[in-house]
C-alpha atoms as a PDB file:
ATOM      1  CA  ALA A   1       0.000   0.000   0.000  1.00  0.00           C
ATOM      2  CA  HIS A   2       2.821   2.406   0.835  1.00  0.00           C
ATOM      3  CA  LEU A   3       4.568   1.653  -2.453  1.00  0.00           C
ATOM      4  CA  ASP A   4       1.381   2.089  -4.466  1.00  0.00           C
ATOM      5  CA  GLN A   5       0.845   5.480  -2.863  1.00  0.00           C
ATOM      6  CA  ALA A   6       4.467   6.423  -3.507  1.00  0.00           C
ATOM      7  CA  ALA A   7       4.206   5.378  -7.161  1.00  0.00           C
ATOM      8  CA  ALA A   8       1.078   7.491  -7.603  1.00  0.00           C
ATOM      9  CA  GLU A   9       2.818  10.487  -6.051  1.00  0.00           C
ATOM     10  CA  VAL A  10       5.899  10.094  -8.249  1.00  0.00           C
ATOM     11  CA  GLU A  11       3.617   9.984 -11.303  1.00  0.00           C
ATOM     12  CA  ARG A  12       1.834  13.127 -10.109  1.00  0.00           C
ATOM     13  CA  LEU A  13       5.060  15.013  -9.477  1.00  0.00           C
ATOM     14  CA  CYS A  14       6.551  14.086 -12.859  1.00  0.00           C
ATOM     15  CA  SER A  15       3.299  15.225 -14.481  1.00  0.00           C
ATOM     16  CA  ALA A  16       3.337  18.543 -12.611  1.00  0.00           C
ATOM     17  CA  TYR A  17       6.767  19.592 -13.893  1.00  0.00           C
ATOM     18  CA  ALA A  18       5.481  21.494 -16.921  1.00  0.00           C
ATOM     19  CA  SER A  19       2.899  23.578 -15.091  1.00  0.00           C
ATOM     20  CA  HIS A  20       3.834  23.968 -11.396  1.00  0.00           C
ATOM     21  CA  ASP A  21       6.140  26.325  -9.544  1.00  0.00           C
ATOM     22  CA  ALA A  22       9.638  24.834  -9.480  1.00  0.00           C
ATOM     23  CA  LYS A  23      10.417  25.728  -5.857  1.00  0.00           C
ATOM     24  CA  ALA A  24       7.163  24.306  -4.505  1.00  0.00           C
ATOM     25  CA  LEU A  25       7.567  21.167  -6.606  1.00  0.00           C
ATOM     26  CA  THR A  26      11.140  20.724  -5.357  1.00  0.00           C
ATOM     27  CA  VAL A  27       9.904  20.708  -1.756  1.00  0.00           C
ATOM     28  CA  GLU A  28       7.487  17.893  -2.568  1.00  0.00           C
ATOM     29  CA  VAL A  29      10.128  15.929  -4.466  1.00  0.00           C
ATOM     30  CA  ASN A  30      12.539  16.190  -1.514  1.00  0.00           C
ATOM     31  CA  ASP A  31       9.825  15.048   0.900  1.00  0.00           C
ATOM     32  CA  TRP A  32       9.068  11.961  -1.181  1.00  0.00           C
ATOM     33  CA  LEU A  33      12.736  11.120  -1.607  1.00  0.00           C
ATOM     34  CA  ARG A  34      12.981  11.055   2.198  1.00  0.00           C
ATOM     35  CA  THR A  35       9.809   8.968   2.443  1.00  0.00           C
ATOM     36  CA  LEU A  36      11.136   6.404  -0.026  1.00  0.00           C
ATOM     37  CA  GLY A  37      14.402   6.200   1.881  1.00  0.00           C
ATOM     38  CA  GLU A  38      12.520   5.579   5.115  1.00  0.00           C
ATOM     39  CA  LEU A  39      10.568   2.690   3.563  1.00  0.00           C
ATOM     40  CA  VAL A  40      13.890   0.906   3.061  1.00  0.00           C
ATOM     41  CA  THR A  41      15.664   1.876   6.288  1.00  0.00           C
ATOM     42  CA  ASN A  42      12.609   0.948   8.374  1.00  0.00           C
ATOM     43  CA  GLY A  43      12.432  -2.483   6.759  1.00  0.00           C
ATOM     44  CA  ARG A  44       8.925  -1.938   5.439  1.00  0.00           C
ATOM     45  CA  VAL A  45       9.554  -3.462   1.997  1.00  0.00           C
ATOM     46  CA  ASN A  46      10.706  -6.880   0.821  1.00  0.00           C
ATOM     47  CA  LEU A  47      13.369  -7.485  -1.831  1.00  0.00           C
ATOM     48  CA  ALA A  48      10.991  -6.885  -4.749  1.00  0.00           C
ATOM     49  CA  GLY A  49       9.689  -3.780  -3.035  1.00  0.00           C
ATOM     50  CA  HIS A  50      13.247  -2.567  -2.538  1.00  0.00           C
ATOM     51  CA  ALA A  51      13.823  -2.681  -6.309  1.00  0.00           C
ATOM     52  CA  ARG A  52      10.629  -0.719  -6.842  1.00  0.00           C
ATOM     53  CA  VAL A  53      11.755   1.902  -4.335  1.00  0.00           C
ATOM     54  CA  ILE A  54      15.061   2.248  -6.190  1.00  0.00           C
ATOM     55  CA  SER A  55      13.197   2.770  -9.469  1.00  0.00           C
ATOM     56  CA  LEU A  56      10.866   5.408  -8.006  1.00  0.00           C
ATOM     57  CA  THR A  57      13.844   7.133  -6.381  1.00  0.00           C
ATOM     58  CA  GLY A  58      15.636   7.179  -9.733  1.00  0.00           C
ATOM     59  CA  TRP A  59      12.762   8.939 -11.490  1.00  0.00           C
ATOM     60  CA  LEU A  60      12.471  11.463  -8.686  1.00  0.00           C
ATOM     61  CA  ALA A  61      16.216  12.084  -8.879  1.00  0.00           C
ATOM     62  CA  LEU A  62      15.866  12.801 -12.591  1.00  0.00           C
ATOM     63  CA  LEU A  63      13.000  15.193 -11.894  1.00  0.00           C
ATOM     64  CA  ARG A  64      15.012  16.890  -9.168  1.00  0.00           C
ATOM     65  CA  SER A  65      17.926  17.313 -11.576  1.00  0.00           C
ATOM     66  CA  CYS A  66      15.645  19.143 -14.025  1.00  0.00           C
ATOM     67  CA  LEU A  67      14.200  21.318 -11.268  1.00  0.00           C
ATOM     68  CA  MET A  68      17.630  22.234  -9.923  1.00  0.00           C
ATOM     69  CA  TRP A  69      18.816  23.340 -13.357  1.00  0.00           C
ATOM     70  CA  ASP A  70      15.680  25.436 -13.827  1.00  0.00           C
ATOM     71  CA  GLN A  71      16.493  27.208 -10.561  1.00  0.00           C
ATOM     72  CA  GLY A  72      20.112  27.849 -11.467  1.00  0.00           C
ATOM     73  CA  GLN A  73      21.553  25.315  -9.016  1.00  0.00           C
ATOM     74  CA  GLU A  74      24.071  23.586 -11.258  1.00  0.00           C
ATOM     75  CA  ALA A  75      25.873  21.586  -8.568  1.00  0.00           C
ATOM     76  CA  SER A  76      22.618  20.168  -7.196  1.00  0.00           C
ATOM     77  CA  CYS A  77      21.472  19.389 -10.734  1.00  0.00           C
ATOM     78  CA  HIS A  78      24.653  17.408 -11.352  1.00  0.00           C
ATOM     79  CA  GLU A  79      24.393  15.622  -7.999  1.00  0.00           C
ATOM     80  CA  ALA A  80      20.823  14.477  -8.668  1.00  0.00           C
ATOM     81  CA  ARG A  81      21.649  13.339 -12.194  1.00  0.00           C
ATOM     82  CA  VAL A  82      24.646  11.323 -11.024  1.00  0.00           C
ATOM     83  CA  ALA A  83      22.473   9.716  -8.341  1.00  0.00           C
ATOM     84  CA  ALA A  84      19.897   8.765 -10.978  1.00  0.00           C
ATOM     85  CA  ALA A  85      22.620   7.309 -13.206  1.00  0.00           C
ATOM     86  CA  GLY A  86      23.878   5.138 -10.346  1.00  0.00           C
ATOM     87  CA  LEU A  87      20.377   3.877  -9.576  1.00  0.00           C
ATOM     88  CA  ALA A  88      19.787   3.159 -13.264  1.00  0.00           C
ATOM     89  CA  ASP A  89      22.985   1.097 -13.350  1.00  0.00           C
ATOM     90  CA  ASP A  90      21.888  -0.839 -10.252  1.00  0.00           C
ATOM     91  CA  LEU A  91      18.549  -1.644 -11.890  1.00  0.00           C
ATOM     92  CA  GLY A  92      19.889  -2.230 -15.389  1.00  0.00           C
ATOM     93  CA  ASP A  93      17.296   0.314 -16.575  1.00  0.00           C
ATOM     94  CA  SER A  94      18.572   1.501 -19.965  1.00  0.00           C
ATOM     95  CA  ALA A  95      15.754   4.026 -20.440  1.00  0.00           C
ATOM     96  CA  MET A  96      16.538   5.713 -17.128  1.00  0.00           C
ATOM     97  CA  THR A  97      20.211   5.780 -18.120  1.00  0.00           C
ATOM     98  CA  ALA A  98      19.290   7.419 -21.425  1.00  0.00           C
ATOM     99  CA  TRP A  99      17.356  10.120 -19.581  1.00  0.00           C
ATOM    100  CA  THR A 100      20.486  11.024 -17.615  1.00  0.00           C
ATOM    101  CA  TRP A 101      22.214  11.643 -20.955  1.00  0.00           C
ATOM    102  CA  GLU A 102      19.191  13.561 -22.251  1.00  0.00           C
ATOM    103  CA  ILE A 103      19.467  15.973 -19.338  1.00  0.00           C
ATOM    104  CA  GLN A 104      23.106  16.565 -20.220  1.00  0.00           C
ATOM    105  CA  ALA A 105      22.179  17.159 -23.867  1.00  0.00           C
ATOM    106  CA  TRP A 106      19.510  19.629 -22.798  1.00  0.00           C
ATOM    107  CA  ILE A 107      21.945  21.486 -20.533  1.00  0.00           C
ATOM    108  CA  ALA A 108      24.496  21.685 -23.353  1.00  0.00           C
ATOM    109  CA  LEU A 109      21.788  23.104 -25.631  1.00  0.00           C
ATOM    110  CA  THR A 110      20.939  25.845 -23.132  1.00  0.00           C
ATOM    111  CA  ARG A 111      24.658  26.691 -22.954  1.00  0.00           C
ATOM    112  CA  GLY A 112      25.024  26.868 -26.713  1.00  0.00           C
ATOM    113  CA  ASP A 113      27.495  23.972 -26.911  1.00  0.00           C
ATOM    114  CA  MET A 114      26.115  22.203 -29.982  1.00  0.00           C
ATOM    115  CA  PRO A 115      28.853  19.550 -30.453  1.00  0.00           C
ATOM    116  CA  GLN A 116      28.329  18.558 -26.811  1.00  0.00           C
ATOM    117  CA  VAL A 117      24.566  18.256 -27.410  1.00  0.00           C
ATOM    118  CA  ILE A 118      25.206  15.774 -30.200  1.00  0.00           C
ATOM    119  CA  ALA A 119      27.768  13.805 -28.171  1.00  0.00           C
ATOM    120  CA  MET A 120      25.469  13.505 -25.141  1.00  0.00           C
ATOM    121  CA  ALA A 121      22.486  12.564 -27.304  1.00  0.00           C
ATOM    122  CA  ASP A 122      24.487   9.870 -29.096  1.00  0.00           C
ATOM    123  CA  ALA A 123      25.576   8.434 -25.732  1.00  0.00           C
ATOM    124  CA  GLY A 124      21.948   8.236 -24.686  1.00  0.00           C
ATOM    125  CA  LEU A 125      20.950   6.600 -27.955  1.00  0.00           C
ATOM    126  CA  SER A 126      23.653   3.992 -27.454  1.00  0.00           C
ATOM    127  CA  ALA A 127      22.079   3.142 -24.095  1.00  0.00           C
ATOM    128  CA  SER A 128      18.482   2.991 -25.306  1.00  0.00           C
ATOM    129  CA  PRO A 129      18.009   3.354 -29.090  1.00  0.00           C
ATOM    130  CA  ARG A 130      14.355   2.323 -29.351  1.00  0.00           C
ATOM    131  CA  ALA A 131      12.664   3.473 -26.122  1.00  0.00           C
ATOM    132  CA  PRO A 132      10.542   6.663 -26.244  1.00  0.00           C
ATOM    133  CA  VAL A 133      13.419   8.665 -24.726  1.00  0.00           C
ATOM    134  CA  ALA A 134      15.274   8.081 -28.005  1.00  0.00           C
ATOM    135  CA  ALA A 135      12.805  10.432 -29.699  1.00  0.00           C
ATOM    136  CA  GLN A 136      13.788  13.186 -27.291  1.00  0.00           C
ATOM    137  CA  LEU A 137      17.479  12.477 -27.882  1.00  0.00           C
ATOM    138  CA  HIS A 138      17.055  12.675 -31.661  1.00  0.00           C
ATOM    139  CA  ALA A 139      15.140  15.915 -31.121  1.00  0.00           C
ATOM    140  CA  GLN A 140      18.022  17.438 -29.190  1.00  0.00           C
ATOM    141  CA  LYS A 141      20.277  16.550 -32.100  1.00  0.00           C
ATOM    142  CA  ALA A 142      17.835  18.164 -34.544  1.00  0.00           C
ATOM    143  CA  LYS A 143      17.863  21.372 -32.509  1.00  0.00           C
ATOM    144  CA  ALA A 144      21.654  21.347 -32.352  1.00  0.00           C
ATOM    145  CA  TYR A 145      22.085  20.767 -36.078  1.00  0.00           C
ATOM    146  CA  ALA A 146      19.588  23.546 -36.813  1.00  0.00           C
ATOM    147  CA  ARG A 147      21.648  25.956 -34.735  1.00  0.00           C
ATOM    148  CA  MET A 148      24.740  24.794 -36.606  1.00  0.00           C
ATOM    149  CA  ARG A 149      22.877  25.573 -39.861  1.00  0.00           C
ATOM    150  CA  ASP A 150      23.075  21.957 -41.018  1.00  0.00           C
ATOM    151  CA  GLN A 151      19.590  21.569 -42.466  1.00  0.00           C
ATOM    152  CA  HIS A 152      20.133  18.084 -43.863  1.00  0.00           C
ATOM    153  CA  LYS A 153      21.231  16.544 -40.562  1.00  0.00           C
ATOM    154  CA  ALA A 154      18.506  18.428 -38.709  1.00  0.00           C
ATOM    155  CA  GLU A 155      15.865  16.935 -40.993  1.00  0.00           C
ATOM    156  CA  VAL A 156      17.404  13.457 -40.704  1.00  0.00           C
ATOM    157  CA  SER A 157      17.160  13.756 -36.918  1.00  0.00           C
ATOM    158  CA  LEU A 158      13.536  14.911 -37.111  1.00  0.00           C
ATOM    159  CA  ASP A 159      12.743  11.891 -39.266  1.00  0.00           C
ATOM    160  CA  ALA A 160      14.327   9.684 -36.594  1.00  0.00           C
ATOM    161  CA  VAL A 161      12.072  11.326 -33.990  1.00  0.00           C
ATOM    162  CA  ARG A 162       8.990  10.364 -35.976  1.00  0.00           C
ATOM    163  CA  ARG A 163      10.208   6.813 -36.583  1.00  0.00           C
ATOM    164  CA  VAL A 164      10.783   6.229 -32.862  1.00  0.00           C
ATOM    165  CA  LEU A 165       7.414   7.689 -31.890  1.00  0.00           C
ATOM    166  CA  ASP A 166       5.585   5.732 -34.595  1.00  0.00           C
ATOM    167  CA  ALA A 167       7.044   2.504 -33.216  1.00  0.00           C
ATOM    168  CA  CYS A 168       6.135   3.249 -29.585  1.00  0.00           C
ATOM    169  CA  PRO A 169       2.669   3.016 -28.016  1.00  0.00           C
ATOM    170  CA  THR A 170       1.100   6.245 -26.822  1.00  0.00           C
ATOM    171  CA  PRO A 171       1.731   6.533 -23.072  1.00  0.00           C
ATOM    172  CA  VAL A 172      -1.244   6.356 -20.724  1.00  0.00           C
ATOM    173  CA  ASN A 173      -0.188   9.619 -19.067  1.00  0.00           C
ATOM    174  CA  VAL A 174       1.123  12.002 -21.699  1.00  0.00           C
ATOM    175  CA  ARG A 175       1.700  14.729 -19.076  1.00  0.00           C
ATOM    176  CA  ASN A 176       4.483  12.816 -17.333  1.00  0.00           C
ATOM    177  CA  HIS A 177       7.701  14.650 -18.228  1.00  0.00           C
ATOM    178  CA  PHE A 178       9.463  11.333 -18.812  1.00  0.00           C
ATOM    179  CA  ASN A 179       6.818  10.000 -21.178  1.00  0.00           C
ATOM    180  CA  VAL A 180       7.275  11.047 -24.802  1.00  0.00           C
ATOM    181  CA  ASP A 181       3.955  11.334 -26.595  1.00  0.00           C
ATOM    182  CA  PRO A 182       3.411  11.607 -30.380  1.00  0.00           C
ATOM    183  CA  THR A 183       2.427  15.299 -30.197  1.00  0.00           C
ATOM    184  CA  LYS A 184       5.991  16.161 -29.217  1.00  0.00           C
ATOM    185  CA  ALA A 185       7.110  15.523 -32.803  1.00  0.00           C
ATOM    186  CA  SER A 186       5.431  18.769 -33.865  1.00  0.00           C
ATOM    187  CA  PHE A 187       6.953  20.605 -30.913  1.00  0.00           C
ATOM    188  CA  TYR A 188      10.472  19.490 -31.791  1.00  0.00           C
ATOM    189  CA  ALA A 189       9.962  20.240 -35.473  1.00  0.00           C
ATOM    190  CA  MET A 190       8.607  23.712 -34.653  1.00  0.00           C
ATOM    191  CA  ASP A 191      11.794  24.717 -32.845  1.00  0.00           C
ATOM    192  CA  THR A 192      14.012  23.240 -35.551  1.00  0.00           C
ATOM    193  CA  TYR A 193      12.206  24.919 -38.450  1.00  0.00           C
ATOM    194  CA  ARG A 194      12.073  28.267 -36.639  1.00  0.00           C
ATOM    195  CA  VAL A 195      15.842  28.245 -36.116  1.00  0.00           C
ATOM    196  CA  LEU A 196      16.442  27.138 -39.709  1.00  0.00           C
ATOM    197  CA  GLY A 197      14.271  30.003 -40.946  1.00  0.00           C
ATOM    198  CA  SER A 198      11.684  27.714 -42.588  1.00  0.00           C
ATOM    199  CA  ASN A 199       8.859  30.064 -41.693  1.00  0.00           C
ATOM    200  CA  ARG A 200       5.940  28.245 -43.326  1.00  0.00           C
ATOM    201  CA  LEU A 201       6.782  24.935 -41.696  1.00  0.00           C
ATOM    202  CA  ALA A 202       7.524  26.563 -38.326  1.00  0.00           C
ATOM    203  CA  ASP A 203       4.170  28.349 -38.377  1.00  0.00           C
ATOM    204  CA  ALA A 204       2.289  25.167 -39.279  1.00  0.00           C
ATOM    205  CA  MET A 205       3.978  23.243 -36.487  1.00  0.00           C
ATOM    206  CA  ALA A 206       3.180  26.067 -34.057  1.00  0.00           C
ATOM    207  CA  ASP A 207      -0.528  25.802 -34.929  1.00  0.00           C
ATOM    208  CA  SER A 208      -0.380  22.076 -34.198  1.00  0.00           C
ATOM    209  CA  VAL A 209       1.377  22.646 -30.867  1.00  0.00           C
ATOM    210  CA  ILE A 210      -1.165  25.274 -29.815  1.00  0.00           C
ATOM    211  CA  LYS A 211      -4.021  22.836 -30.460  1.00  0.00           C
ATOM    212  CA  THR A 212      -2.465  20.041 -28.406  1.00  0.00           C
ATOM    213  CA  SER A 213      -1.342  22.382 -25.609  1.00  0.00           C
ATOM    214  CA  THR A 214      -4.792  23.890 -25.009  1.00  0.00           C
ATOM    215  CA  GLY A 215      -7.746  22.203 -23.323  1.00  0.00           C
ATOM    216  CA  TRP A 216     -11.351  22.272 -24.483  1.00  0.00           C
ATOM    217  CA  ASP A 217     -11.990  25.238 -22.150  1.00  0.00           C
ATOM    218  CA  GLY A 218      -9.186  27.284 -23.688  1.00  0.00           C
ATOM    219  CA  ASN A 219      -6.844  26.924 -20.725  1.00  0.00           C
ATOM    220  CA  ALA A 220      -3.258  25.820 -21.219  1.00  0.00           C
ATOM    221  CA  VAL A 221      -2.522  22.196 -20.370  1.00  0.00           C
ATOM    222  CA  SER A 222       1.130  22.490 -21.448  1.00  0.00           C
ATOM    223  CA  PRO A 223       2.088  26.100 -20.657  1.00  0.00           C
ATOM    224  CA  MET A 224       5.733  25.848 -21.716  1.00  0.00           C
ATOM    225  CA  ARG A 225       4.908  24.283 -25.088  1.00  0.00           C
ATOM    226  CA  LEU A 226       2.132  26.827 -25.637  1.00  0.00           C
ATOM    227  CA  ALA A 227       4.425  29.758 -24.827  1.00  0.00           C
ATOM    228  CA  GLU A 228       7.072  28.532 -27.276  1.00  0.00           C
ATOM    229  CA  ALA A 229       4.444  28.053 -29.992  1.00  0.00           C
ATOM    230  CA  GLN A 230       3.190  31.602 -29.486  1.00  0.00           C
ATOM    231  CA  LEU A 231       6.783  32.855 -29.602  1.00  0.00           C
ATOM    232  CA  THR A 232       7.344  30.954 -32.840  1.00  0.00           C
ATOM    233  CA  LYS A 233       4.287  32.518 -34.474  1.00  0.00           C
ATOM    234  CA  ALA A 234       5.448  35.967 -33.338  1.00  0.00           C
ATOM    235  CA  VAL A 235       8.915  35.389 -34.788  1.00  0.00           C
ATOM    236  CA  VAL A 236       7.455  34.238 -38.108  1.00  0.00           C
ATOM    237  CA  GLN A 237       5.134  37.247 -38.221  1.00  0.00           C
ATOM    238  CA  ALA A 238       8.044  39.607 -37.515  1.00  0.00           C
ATOM    239  CA  ARG A 239      10.170  38.000 -40.237  1.00  0.00           C
ATOM    240  CA  GLU A 240       7.396  38.420 -42.744  1.00  0.00           C
ATOM    241  CA  GLY A 241       6.820  42.046 -41.777  1.00  0.00           C
ATOM    242  CA  GLY A 242       3.552  41.442 -39.967  1.00  0.00           C
END
């Protein structure tokens, strides 16, 4: 019962990443990391339960790494990512390992180090070439190649994104940050085409992202994706003299 509750909370926290305040979410993540640790130290789980605790702790460590980077705490980001990598090794979880590389690719992208983006993404793809995380890794490469003005390689990477997503089932919870749903293909393509200056394609992808990021009541369900889509449409309009 305790593990089921913990699993539900980890799912909720990973789903809240895109729309909740980072500081408040970090407090909850830290609380649940302590709770999971106590389940083990208090002897409240058997061997199978112990493995499940390690897995849940790994996903929370990945989430904490993302949150720390968002808040400008680079050392804490690195510490959480390294912890997740160690737990992934213990479990033999290649997808979790690939996510640790994806975080490094993402950080390199925010720093403007495009060769490093590609190197980190390739390391992640070596760990898990067919899991949904591979789509995100190919997407990071597409973004990097676009910024390096290599249109051909950017488009090859976008094609790889679509091939991975087409081969993977749609996740039950598409809001979980570590689930890669098919609608992300348009989001990745939008960024790539905007940077490449392919205005028509960028605008079309932005329209698609806006539709999938907005609920039936008009409220944003994916605020960060929606904001980037609106930015993309503004950039296209400015380029075309609108």
